Amino acid sequence: MLFSIILPTYNRAKLLPIAIESVLKQTYENWELIIIDDGSTDNTKEILGQFGDPRIKYIYQHNQERSAARNRGIQEAEGEWICFLDSDDTFANDRLANWSSQLKQQDEKLALFYSELRLEKNFGFDYHFPQKDNDENVFEFLIRSHLFCQQVVGKKVVFSNNLFDPEISIGEDTELWIRIAEKYPIKALATGSYSLVHEHDDRSVNLKNKNSALLELKTLQKIFHSHIGSKIRKSIRSKVLANCYFNISKHYMYNAKKATAFKWVSKSLTLDWKSPQWKHRLYCLTMLLRGKIPSEYQ
């Protein structure tokens, strides 16, 4: 069982060695690591020269964003199984061993499998291992759960026939899982090992520095306007969009743009009054109405 680990990177020379080391430390050794350098202008190539393991493959391409980079990795992969690692994240040492053991026990091999992921947050960890409700269809599960690339694994054929949309830069993973779910099952593996997403200021979804939620909104609109949209209940669509609206407002609050933040908080509250976060959103709205930024966003 050969794993192809696809790692896209762009100007992450300082962080990349930690991700690579987490692969080199795997207790399961039958893998290849395909690093797609998406047009880095830093010393990424020189840093990679420090690693002499023949299982590491380095491919440079002109900058095309991470969806195109992952697609290049899929096309270059020689493994039976494909998984993903971002250049600022890590695998637990037994990640591949755990996957190998569990995948051998699966009767149905053509599926998108996922397992536990941990998010580094406030000097601790948030555990991300969503489960599908019994009466929930798979498309609703995927749109509300957000499975990260780092927590999925599947046969190469599953990905070769279903590539990332190169026009999407945020939410591209959810959009792909939904397309895959039309053809293959989505199955949870038992917990026991994990991928770790590290928190830092340069993350692509950092709302302080980047309005990533606005890009996510475009992805959600594309999904909801497709034929899949009709398979997702209006109440679920509203909840997901309201969460996205509020995340957009966070970016503007962080950057002291009170009027624009007020607009997006209002849209969030109007769309979903039943959210568990409605009191916090109402508080933010009230503070913005007074011309103030809530303290947690200053």
C-alpha atoms as a PDB file:
ATOM      1  CA  MET A   1       0.000   0.000   0.000  1.00  0.00           C
ATOM      2  CA  LEU A   2       1.784   3.100  -1.282  1.00  0.00           C
ATOM      3  CA  PHE A   3       0.613   6.529  -0.123  1.00  0.00           C
ATOM      4  CA  SER A   4       1.169   9.592  -2.279  1.00  0.00           C
ATOM      5  CA  ILE A   5       1.220  12.633  -0.016  1.00  0.00           C
ATOM      6  CA  ILE A   6       0.571  15.819  -1.975  1.00  0.00           C
ATOM      7  CA  LEU A   7       1.974  18.992  -0.458  1.00  0.00           C
ATOM      8  CA  PRO A   8       1.444  22.319  -2.271  1.00  0.00           C
ATOM      9  CA  THR A   9       3.562  25.238  -1.116  1.00  0.00           C
ATOM     10  CA  TYR A  10       4.089  28.903  -1.894  1.00  0.00           C
ATOM     11  CA  ASN A  11       6.716  31.017  -0.124  1.00  0.00           C
ATOM     12  CA  ARG A  12       6.663  28.873   3.016  1.00  0.00           C
ATOM     13  CA  ALA A  13      10.386  28.096   3.251  1.00  0.00           C
ATOM     14  CA  LYS A  14      10.436  28.766   7.000  1.00  0.00           C
ATOM     15  CA  LEU A  15       7.481  26.476   7.754  1.00  0.00           C
ATOM     16  CA  LEU A  16       7.959  23.753   5.143  1.00  0.00           C
ATOM     17  CA  PRO A  17      10.728  21.775   6.926  1.00  0.00           C
ATOM     18  CA  ILE A  18       8.422  21.058   9.877  1.00  0.00           C
ATOM     19  CA  ALA A  19       5.806  19.564   7.563  1.00  0.00           C
ATOM     20  CA  ILE A  20       8.431  17.472   5.750  1.00  0.00           C
ATOM     21  CA  GLU A  21       9.929  16.227   9.013  1.00  0.00           C
ATOM     22  CA  SER A  22       6.497  15.003  10.112  1.00  0.00           C
ATOM     23  CA  VAL A  23       6.399  12.809   7.000  1.00  0.00           C
ATOM     24  CA  LEU A  24       9.954  11.550   7.471  1.00  0.00           C
ATOM     25  CA  LYS A  25       9.024  10.506  11.025  1.00  0.00           C
ATOM     26  CA  GLN A  26       6.160   8.281   9.878  1.00  0.00           C
ATOM     27  CA  THR A  27       6.306   4.789  11.358  1.00  0.00           C
ATOM     28  CA  TYR A  28       4.806   3.536   8.081  1.00  0.00           C
ATOM     29  CA  GLU A  29       7.485   3.950   5.424  1.00  0.00           C
ATOM     30  CA  ASN A  30       5.844   3.089   2.096  1.00  0.00           C
ATOM     31  CA  TRP A  31       5.102   6.598   0.862  1.00  0.00           C
ATOM     32  CA  GLU A  32       6.108   9.275  -1.595  1.00  0.00           C
ATOM     33  CA  LEU A  33       5.938  12.972  -0.802  1.00  0.00           C
ATOM     34  CA  ILE A  34       5.152  15.137  -3.827  1.00  0.00           C
ATOM     35  CA  ILE A  35       5.945  18.791  -3.168  1.00  0.00           C
ATOM     36  CA  ILE A  36       4.422  21.159  -5.687  1.00  0.00           C
ATOM     37  CA  ASP A  37       6.161  24.512  -5.484  1.00  0.00           C
ATOM     38  CA  ASP A  38       3.544  26.915  -6.827  1.00  0.00           C
ATOM     39  CA  GLY A  39       5.919  29.618  -8.011  1.00  0.00           C
ATOM     40  CA  SER A  40       7.703  30.446  -4.750  1.00  0.00           C
ATOM     41  CA  THR A  41      10.054  33.430  -4.839  1.00  0.00           C
ATOM     42  CA  ASP A  42      11.769  32.662  -1.527  1.00  0.00           C
ATOM     43  CA  ASN A  43      14.449  30.009  -0.898  1.00  0.00           C
ATOM     44  CA  THR A  44      12.046  27.054  -0.933  1.00  0.00           C
ATOM     45  CA  LYS A  45      14.105  25.093  -3.471  1.00  0.00           C
ATOM     46  CA  GLU A  46      17.306  25.560  -1.459  1.00  0.00           C
ATOM     47  CA  ILE A  47      15.593  24.432   1.741  1.00  0.00           C
ATOM     48  CA  LEU A  48      14.367  21.278   0.036  1.00  0.00           C
ATOM     49  CA  GLY A  49      17.928  20.523  -1.030  1.00  0.00           C
ATOM     50  CA  GLN A  50      18.654  19.696   2.613  1.00  0.00           C
ATOM     51  CA  PHE A  51      16.449  16.617   2.402  1.00  0.00           C
ATOM     52  CA  GLY A  52      18.088  13.708   0.599  1.00  0.00           C
ATOM     53  CA  ASP A  53      15.286  11.149   0.912  1.00  0.00           C
ATOM     54  CA  PRO A  54      14.532   9.731  -2.576  1.00  0.00           C
ATOM     55  CA  ARG A  55      10.865   9.401  -1.663  1.00  0.00           C
ATOM     56  CA  ILE A  56      10.579  13.204  -1.779  1.00  0.00           C
ATOM     57  CA  LYS A  57       9.729  14.577  -5.224  1.00  0.00           C
ATOM     58  CA  TYR A  58       9.994  18.301  -5.963  1.00  0.00           C
ATOM     59  CA  ILE A  59       8.061  19.905  -8.814  1.00  0.00           C
ATOM     60  CA  TYR A  60       8.127  23.630  -9.616  1.00  0.00           C
ATOM     61  CA  GLN A  61       5.362  25.371 -11.556  1.00  0.00           C
ATOM     62  CA  HIS A  62       4.414  28.988 -12.207  1.00  0.00           C
ATOM     63  CA  ASN A  63       1.952  30.308  -9.647  1.00  0.00           C
ATOM     64  CA  GLN A  64      -1.536  28.965 -10.326  1.00  0.00           C
ATOM     65  CA  GLU A  65      -2.939  28.767  -6.763  1.00  0.00           C
ATOM     66  CA  ARG A  66      -3.276  25.677  -4.572  1.00  0.00           C
ATOM     67  CA  SER A  67      -6.132  23.935  -6.412  1.00  0.00           C
ATOM     68  CA  ALA A  68      -3.999  23.712  -9.550  1.00  0.00           C
ATOM     69  CA  ALA A  69      -0.998  22.682  -7.446  1.00  0.00           C
ATOM     70  CA  ARG A  70      -2.904  19.817  -5.821  1.00  0.00           C
ATOM     71  CA  ASN A  71      -4.189  18.743  -9.241  1.00  0.00           C
ATOM     72  CA  ARG A  72      -0.600  18.594 -10.508  1.00  0.00           C
ATOM     73  CA  GLY A  73       0.286  16.427  -7.530  1.00  0.00           C
ATOM     74  CA  ILE A  74      -2.615  14.077  -8.245  1.00  0.00           C
ATOM     75  CA  GLN A  75      -1.477  13.725 -11.853  1.00  0.00           C
ATOM     76  CA  GLU A  76       2.110  12.981 -10.798  1.00  0.00           C
ATOM     77  CA  ALA A  77       1.189  10.541  -8.015  1.00  0.00           C
ATOM     78  CA  GLU A  78       2.232   6.908  -8.349  1.00  0.00           C
ATOM     79  CA  GLY A  79       0.624   5.685  -5.148  1.00  0.00           C
ATOM     80  CA  GLU A  80      -2.471   3.561  -4.724  1.00  0.00           C
ATOM     81  CA  TRP A  81      -3.765   5.993  -2.116  1.00  0.00           C
ATOM     82  CA  ILE A  82      -3.673   9.781  -2.142  1.00  0.00           C
ATOM     83  CA  CYS A  83      -3.694  12.110   0.848  1.00  0.00           C
ATOM     84  CA  PHE A  84      -2.827  15.746   1.395  1.00  0.00           C
ATOM     85  CA  LEU A  85      -0.688  17.849   3.703  1.00  0.00           C
ATOM     86  CA  ASP A  86      -0.377  21.627   3.686  1.00  0.00           C
ATOM     87  CA  SER A  87       3.057  23.194   4.000  1.00  0.00           C
ATOM     88  CA  ASP A  88       2.275  24.740   7.386  1.00  0.00           C
ATOM     89  CA  ASP A  89       0.757  21.613   8.990  1.00  0.00           C
ATOM     90  CA  THR A  90       1.933  18.206  10.226  1.00  0.00           C
ATOM     91  CA  PHE A  91       1.002  14.532  10.480  1.00  0.00           C
ATOM     92  CA  ALA A  92       1.173  12.635  13.753  1.00  0.00           C
ATOM     93  CA  ASN A  93       3.970  10.023  13.545  1.00  0.00           C
ATOM     94  CA  ASP A  94       1.503   7.136  13.173  1.00  0.00           C
ATOM     95  CA  ARG A  95      -0.816   8.880  10.715  1.00  0.00           C
ATOM     96  CA  LEU A  96      -0.071   6.669   7.706  1.00  0.00           C
ATOM     97  CA  ALA A  97       0.206   3.502   9.816  1.00  0.00           C
ATOM     98  CA  ASN A  98      -3.221   4.173  11.258  1.00  0.00           C
ATOM     99  CA  TRP A  99      -4.708   4.806   7.830  1.00  0.00           C
ATOM    100  CA  SER A 100      -3.062   1.690   6.398  1.00  0.00           C
ATOM    101  CA  SER A 101      -4.485  -0.520   9.124  1.00  0.00           C
ATOM    102  CA  GLN A 102      -7.979   0.876   8.856  1.00  0.00           C
ATOM    103  CA  LEU A 103      -8.151   0.982   5.068  1.00  0.00           C
ATOM    104  CA  LYS A 104      -7.220  -2.701   4.864  1.00  0.00           C
ATOM    105  CA  GLN A 105     -10.307  -3.467   6.940  1.00  0.00           C
ATOM    106  CA  GLN A 106     -12.674  -1.623   4.596  1.00  0.00           C
ATOM    107  CA  ASP A 107     -14.786  -3.813   2.338  1.00  0.00           C
ATOM    108  CA  GLU A 108     -15.570  -0.884   0.063  1.00  0.00           C
ATOM    109  CA  LYS A 109     -12.323   0.671  -1.092  1.00  0.00           C
ATOM    110  CA  LEU A 110     -13.701   3.212  -3.586  1.00  0.00           C
ATOM    111  CA  ALA A 111     -14.773   5.961  -1.227  1.00  0.00           C
ATOM    112  CA  LEU A 112     -13.576   9.216   0.264  1.00  0.00           C
ATOM    113  CA  PHE A 113     -12.383   8.368   3.766  1.00  0.00           C
ATOM    114  CA  TYR A 114     -11.734  10.839   6.538  1.00  0.00           C
ATOM    115  CA  SER A 115     -10.563  10.754  10.135  1.00  0.00           C
ATOM    116  CA  GLU A 116      -9.557  13.043  12.967  1.00  0.00           C
ATOM    117  CA  LEU A 117      -7.969  16.449  12.606  1.00  0.00           C
ATOM    118  CA  ARG A 118      -6.743  18.771  15.346  1.00  0.00           C
ATOM    119  CA  LEU A 119      -6.699  22.538  15.148  1.00  0.00           C
ATOM    120  CA  GLU A 120      -4.096  24.375  17.173  1.00  0.00           C
ATOM    121  CA  LYS A 121      -5.895  27.162  18.998  1.00  0.00           C
ATOM    122  CA  ASN A 122      -5.108  29.348  22.016  1.00  0.00           C
ATOM    123  CA  PHE A 123      -2.274  27.071  23.192  1.00  0.00           C
ATOM    124  CA  GLY A 124      -4.566  24.032  23.010  1.00  0.00           C
ATOM    125  CA  PHE A 125      -6.394  21.958  20.417  1.00  0.00           C
ATOM    126  CA  ASP A 126      -9.857  21.792  18.912  1.00  0.00           C
ATOM    127  CA  TYR A 127     -10.796  18.312  17.707  1.00  0.00           C
ATOM    128  CA  HIS A 128     -12.482  18.135  14.318  1.00  0.00           C
ATOM    129  CA  PHE A 129     -14.077  14.780  13.519  1.00  0.00           C
ATOM    130  CA  PRO A 130     -17.661  15.453  12.327  1.00  0.00           C
ATOM    131  CA  GLN A 131     -20.213  12.679  12.107  1.00  0.00           C
ATOM    132  CA  LYS A 132     -23.208  12.490   9.798  1.00  0.00           C
ATOM    133  CA  ASP A 133     -26.636  12.517  11.434  1.00  0.00           C
ATOM    134  CA  ASN A 134     -28.817   9.508  10.621  1.00  0.00           C
ATOM    135  CA  ASP A 135     -31.445  11.552   8.769  1.00  0.00           C
ATOM    136  CA  GLU A 136     -28.961  13.863   7.064  1.00  0.00           C
ATOM    137  CA  ASN A 137     -28.054  13.570   3.406  1.00  0.00           C
ATOM    138  CA  VAL A 138     -24.383  13.548   2.540  1.00  0.00           C
ATOM    139  CA  PHE A 139     -24.431  16.936   0.794  1.00  0.00           C
ATOM    140  CA  GLU A 140     -25.832  18.678   3.864  1.00  0.00           C
ATOM    141  CA  PHE A 141     -23.258  16.917   6.005  1.00  0.00           C
ATOM    142  CA  LEU A 142     -20.384  18.101   3.817  1.00  0.00           C
ATOM    143  CA  ILE A 143     -21.582  21.695   3.523  1.00  0.00           C
ATOM    144  CA  ARG A 144     -21.914  22.115   7.283  1.00  0.00           C
ATOM    145  CA  SER A 145     -18.906  20.069   8.417  1.00  0.00           C
ATOM    146  CA  HIS A 146     -15.962  21.295   6.326  1.00  0.00           C
ATOM    147  CA  LEU A 147     -13.648  18.330   6.024  1.00  0.00           C
ATOM    148  CA  PHE A 148     -10.081  19.583   5.656  1.00  0.00           C
ATOM    149  CA  CYS A 149      -7.780  18.215   2.960  1.00  0.00           C
ATOM    150  CA  GLN A 150      -5.388  17.039   5.679  1.00  0.00           C
ATOM    151  CA  GLN A 151      -7.962  14.613   7.086  1.00  0.00           C
ATOM    152  CA  VAL A 152      -9.028  12.810   3.892  1.00  0.00           C
ATOM    153  CA  VAL A 153      -7.574   9.862   2.018  1.00  0.00           C
ATOM    154  CA  GLY A 154      -8.795   7.954  -1.018  1.00  0.00           C
ATOM    155  CA  LYS A 155      -7.815   5.783  -3.950  1.00  0.00           C
ATOM    156  CA  LYS A 156      -5.992   7.594  -6.716  1.00  0.00           C
ATOM    157  CA  VAL A 157      -8.805   6.836  -9.168  1.00  0.00           C
ATOM    158  CA  VAL A 158     -11.246   8.742  -6.951  1.00  0.00           C
ATOM    159  CA  PHE A 159      -9.157  11.902  -7.297  1.00  0.00           C
ATOM    160  CA  SER A 160      -7.889  11.395 -10.836  1.00  0.00           C
ATOM    161  CA  ASN A 161     -11.467  11.528 -12.105  1.00  0.00           C
ATOM    162  CA  ASN A 162     -12.432  14.390  -9.773  1.00  0.00           C
ATOM    163  CA  LEU A 163      -9.937  17.238  -9.619  1.00  0.00           C
ATOM    164  CA  PHE A 164     -10.026  20.475  -7.626  1.00  0.00           C
ATOM    165  CA  ASP A 165     -11.654  23.428  -9.377  1.00  0.00           C
ATOM    166  CA  PRO A 166      -8.681  25.706 -10.243  1.00  0.00           C
ATOM    167  CA  GLU A 167     -10.946  28.771 -10.159  1.00  0.00           C
ATOM    168  CA  ILE A 168     -11.646  28.275  -6.436  1.00  0.00           C
ATOM    169  CA  SER A 169      -9.067  29.243  -3.815  1.00  0.00           C
ATOM    170  CA  ILE A 170     -11.144  29.074  -0.600  1.00  0.00           C
ATOM    171  CA  GLY A 171     -13.597  26.256   0.033  1.00  0.00           C
ATOM    172  CA  GLU A 172     -12.169  24.285  -2.880  1.00  0.00           C
ATOM    173  CA  ASP A 173     -12.011  21.191  -0.695  1.00  0.00           C
ATOM    174  CA  THR A 174     -15.724  21.255   0.229  1.00  0.00           C
ATOM    175  CA  GLU A 175     -16.699  21.828  -3.390  1.00  0.00           C
ATOM    176  CA  LEU A 176     -14.640  18.810  -4.469  1.00  0.00           C
ATOM    177  CA  TRP A 177     -15.939  16.513  -1.718  1.00  0.00           C
ATOM    178  CA  ILE A 178     -19.501  17.339  -2.800  1.00  0.00           C
ATOM    179  CA  ARG A 179     -18.746  16.355  -6.397  1.00  0.00           C
ATOM    180  CA  ILE A 180     -17.059  13.160  -5.216  1.00  0.00           C
ATOM    181  CA  ALA A 181     -20.097  12.363  -3.027  1.00  0.00           C
ATOM    182  CA  GLU A 182     -22.246  12.122  -6.150  1.00  0.00           C
ATOM    183  CA  LYS A 183     -20.187   9.090  -7.217  1.00  0.00           C
ATOM    184  CA  TYR A 184     -18.626   7.555  -4.105  1.00  0.00           C
ATOM    185  CA  PRO A 185     -19.493   7.065  -0.416  1.00  0.00           C
ATOM    186  CA  ILE A 186     -18.057   9.392   2.222  1.00  0.00           C
ATOM    187  CA  LYS A 187     -16.886   7.240   5.131  1.00  0.00           C
ATOM    188  CA  ALA A 188     -15.450   8.043   8.556  1.00  0.00           C
ATOM    189  CA  LEU A 189     -12.525   5.984   9.802  1.00  0.00           C
ATOM    190  CA  ALA A 190     -12.112   5.248  13.485  1.00  0.00           C
ATOM    191  CA  THR A 191     -10.102   7.793  15.417  1.00  0.00           C
ATOM    192  CA  GLY A 192      -6.648   6.968  16.732  1.00  0.00           C
ATOM    193  CA  SER A 193      -4.328   9.299  14.850  1.00  0.00           C
ATOM    194  CA  TYR A 194      -4.596  12.772  13.421  1.00  0.00           C
ATOM    195  CA  SER A 195      -3.338  15.598  11.242  1.00  0.00           C
ATOM    196  CA  LEU A 196      -2.491  18.854  12.996  1.00  0.00           C
ATOM    197  CA  VAL A 197      -3.333  22.282  11.596  1.00  0.00           C
ATOM    198  CA  HIS A 198      -0.965  24.857  13.080  1.00  0.00           C
ATOM    199  CA  GLU A 199      -2.154  28.373  13.875  1.00  0.00           C
ATOM    200  CA  HIS A 200      -0.103  31.320  12.546  1.00  0.00           C
ATOM    201  CA  ASP A 201      -0.728  34.778  11.143  1.00  0.00           C
ATOM    202  CA  ASP A 202      -0.027  33.856   7.527  1.00  0.00           C
ATOM    203  CA  ARG A 203      -2.698  31.169   7.190  1.00  0.00           C
ATOM    204  CA  SER A 204      -4.844  31.633   4.085  1.00  0.00           C
ATOM    205  CA  VAL A 205      -7.984  31.660   6.242  1.00  0.00           C
ATOM    206  CA  ASN A 206      -6.696  34.196   8.775  1.00  0.00           C
ATOM    207  CA  LEU A 207      -9.584  36.664   9.006  1.00  0.00           C
ATOM    208  CA  LYS A 208      -7.461  39.426  10.502  1.00  0.00           C
ATOM    209  CA  ASN A 209      -5.170  39.695   7.499  1.00  0.00           C
ATOM    210  CA  LYS A 210      -7.273  38.305   4.666  1.00  0.00           C
ATOM    211  CA  ASN A 211     -10.943  38.450   3.760  1.00  0.00           C
ATOM    212  CA  SER A 212     -10.991  34.726   3.062  1.00  0.00           C
ATOM    213  CA  ALA A 213     -14.674  34.443   4.010  1.00  0.00           C
ATOM    214  CA  LEU A 214     -15.618  36.666   1.080  1.00  0.00           C
ATOM    215  CA  LEU A 215     -13.943  34.160  -1.248  1.00  0.00           C
ATOM    216  CA  GLU A 216     -15.658  31.329   0.606  1.00  0.00           C
ATOM    217  CA  LEU A 217     -19.001  33.045  -0.036  1.00  0.00           C
ATOM    218  CA  LYS A 218     -18.384  32.839  -3.790  1.00  0.00           C
ATOM    219  CA  THR A 219     -17.723  29.111  -3.440  1.00  0.00           C
ATOM    220  CA  LEU A 220     -20.893  28.562  -1.406  1.00  0.00           C
ATOM    221  CA  GLN A 221     -22.932  30.489  -3.967  1.00  0.00           C
ATOM    222  CA  LYS A 222     -21.488  28.340  -6.738  1.00  0.00           C
ATOM    223  CA  ILE A 223     -22.469  25.173  -4.862  1.00  0.00           C
ATOM    224  CA  PHE A 224     -25.955  26.413  -3.988  1.00  0.00           C
ATOM    225  CA  HIS A 225     -26.625  27.542  -7.553  1.00  0.00           C
ATOM    226  CA  SER A 226     -25.595  24.163  -8.964  1.00  0.00           C
ATOM    227  CA  HIS A 227     -27.886  21.129  -9.196  1.00  0.00           C
ATOM    228  CA  ILE A 228     -26.602  20.076  -5.762  1.00  0.00           C
ATOM    229  CA  GLY A 229     -28.155  23.174  -4.221  1.00  0.00           C
ATOM    230  CA  SER A 230     -31.646  21.735  -4.546  1.00  0.00           C
ATOM    231  CA  LYS A 231     -30.557  18.728  -2.457  1.00  0.00           C
ATOM    232  CA  ILE A 232     -29.612  20.937   0.482  1.00  0.00           C
ATOM    233  CA  ARG A 233     -32.474  22.237   2.614  1.00  0.00           C
ATOM    234  CA  LYS A 234     -33.033  25.972   2.721  1.00  0.00           C
ATOM    235  CA  SER A 235     -32.551  26.000   6.498  1.00  0.00           C
ATOM    236  CA  ILE A 236     -29.074  24.471   6.104  1.00  0.00           C
ATOM    237  CA  ARG A 237     -28.136  26.857   3.306  1.00  0.00           C
ATOM    238  CA  SER A 238     -29.262  29.798   5.424  1.00  0.00           C
ATOM    239  CA  LYS A 239     -27.266  28.654   8.433  1.00  0.00           C
ATOM    240  CA  VAL A 240     -24.086  28.123   6.418  1.00  0.00           C
ATOM    241  CA  LEU A 241     -24.429  31.446   4.613  1.00  0.00           C
ATOM    242  CA  ALA A 242     -25.144  33.282   7.878  1.00  0.00           C
ATOM    243  CA  ASN A 243     -21.953  31.843   9.390  1.00  0.00           C
ATOM    244  CA  CYS A 244     -20.032  32.982   6.330  1.00  0.00           C
ATOM    245  CA  TYR A 245     -21.563  36.479   6.509  1.00  0.00           C
ATOM    246  CA  PHE A 246     -20.499  36.795  10.127  1.00  0.00           C
ATOM    247  CA  ASN A 247     -16.968  35.658   9.294  1.00  0.00           C
ATOM    248  CA  ILE A 248     -16.863  38.374   6.633  1.00  0.00           C
ATOM    249  CA  SER A 249     -17.926  40.888   9.266  1.00  0.00           C
ATOM    250  CA  LYS A 250     -15.082  39.708  11.534  1.00  0.00           C
ATOM    251  CA  HIS A 251     -12.534  40.727   8.911  1.00  0.00           C
ATOM    252  CA  TYR A 252     -13.995  44.227   8.759  1.00  0.00           C
ATOM    253  CA  MET A 253     -14.185  44.477  12.558  1.00  0.00           C
ATOM    254  CA  TYR A 254     -10.543  43.425  12.854  1.00  0.00           C
ATOM    255  CA  ASN A 255      -9.697  46.185  10.398  1.00  0.00           C
ATOM    256  CA  ALA A 256     -11.935  48.818  12.062  1.00  0.00           C
ATOM    257  CA  LYS A 257     -14.271  49.196   9.085  1.00  0.00           C
ATOM    258  CA  LYS A 258     -17.378  49.629  11.222  1.00  0.00           C
ATOM    259  CA  ALA A 259     -19.978  50.469   8.558  1.00  0.00           C
ATOM    260  CA  THR A 260     -19.099  47.495   6.363  1.00  0.00           C
ATOM    261  CA  ALA A 261     -18.911  45.187   9.378  1.00  0.00           C
ATOM    262  CA  PHE A 262     -22.355  46.393  10.491  1.00  0.00           C
ATOM    263  CA  LYS A 263     -23.805  45.482   7.085  1.00  0.00           C
ATOM    264  CA  TRP A 264     -22.500  41.906   7.198  1.00  0.00           C
ATOM    265  CA  VAL A 265     -23.504  41.299  10.824  1.00  0.00           C
ATOM    266  CA  SER A 266     -26.998  42.509   9.930  1.00  0.00           C
ATOM    267  CA  LYS A 267     -27.156  40.126   6.982  1.00  0.00           C
ATOM    268  CA  SER A 268     -26.040  37.264   9.233  1.00  0.00           C
ATOM    269  CA  LEU A 269     -28.695  37.967  11.878  1.00  0.00           C
ATOM    270  CA  THR A 270     -31.443  38.462   9.317  1.00  0.00           C
ATOM    271  CA  LEU A 271     -30.697  35.159   7.639  1.00  0.00           C
ATOM    272  CA  ASP A 272     -30.412  33.001  10.783  1.00  0.00           C
ATOM    273  CA  TRP A 273     -32.011  34.185  14.023  1.00  0.00           C
ATOM    274  CA  LYS A 274     -31.846  30.656  15.449  1.00  0.00           C
ATOM    275  CA  SER A 275     -28.067  30.414  15.456  1.00  0.00           C
ATOM    276  CA  PRO A 276     -26.475  29.490  18.820  1.00  0.00           C
ATOM    277  CA  GLN A 277     -24.306  32.562  18.227  1.00  0.00           C
ATOM    278  CA  TRP A 278     -27.182  34.997  17.767  1.00  0.00           C
ATOM    279  CA  LYS A 279     -26.602  36.721  21.132  1.00  0.00           C
ATOM    280  CA  HIS A 280     -22.961  37.374  20.269  1.00  0.00           C
ATOM    281  CA  ARG A 281     -23.893  38.613  16.823  1.00  0.00           C
ATOM    282  CA  LEU A 282     -26.553  40.893  18.282  1.00  0.00           C
ATOM    283  CA  TYR A 283     -23.972  42.231  20.749  1.00  0.00           C
ATOM    284  CA  CYS A 284     -21.588  42.971  17.865  1.00  0.00           C
ATOM    285  CA  LEU A 285     -24.372  44.689  15.958  1.00  0.00           C
ATOM    286  CA  THR A 286     -25.221  46.858  18.974  1.00  0.00           C
ATOM    287  CA  MET A 287     -21.579  47.829  19.525  1.00  0.00           C
ATOM    288  CA  LEU A 288     -21.138  48.720  15.854  1.00  0.00           C
ATOM    289  CA  LEU A 289     -24.340  50.777  15.955  1.00  0.00           C
ATOM    290  CA  ARG A 290     -22.711  52.766  18.755  1.00  0.00           C
ATOM    291  CA  GLY A 291     -19.657  53.298  16.582  1.00  0.00           C
ATOM    292  CA  LYS A 292     -17.478  50.893  18.555  1.00  0.00           C
ATOM    293  CA  ILE A 293     -15.565  47.737  17.681  1.00  0.00           C
ATOM    294  CA  PRO A 294     -16.193  44.810  20.082  1.00  0.00           C
ATOM    295  CA  SER A 295     -13.089  44.306  22.231  1.00  0.00           C
ATOM    296  CA  GLU A 296     -12.363  40.767  20.938  1.00  0.00           C
ATOM    297  CA  TYR A 297     -11.942  42.159  17.404  1.00  0.00           C
ATOM    298  CA  GLN A 298      -9.692  45.083  18.247  1.00  0.00           C
END
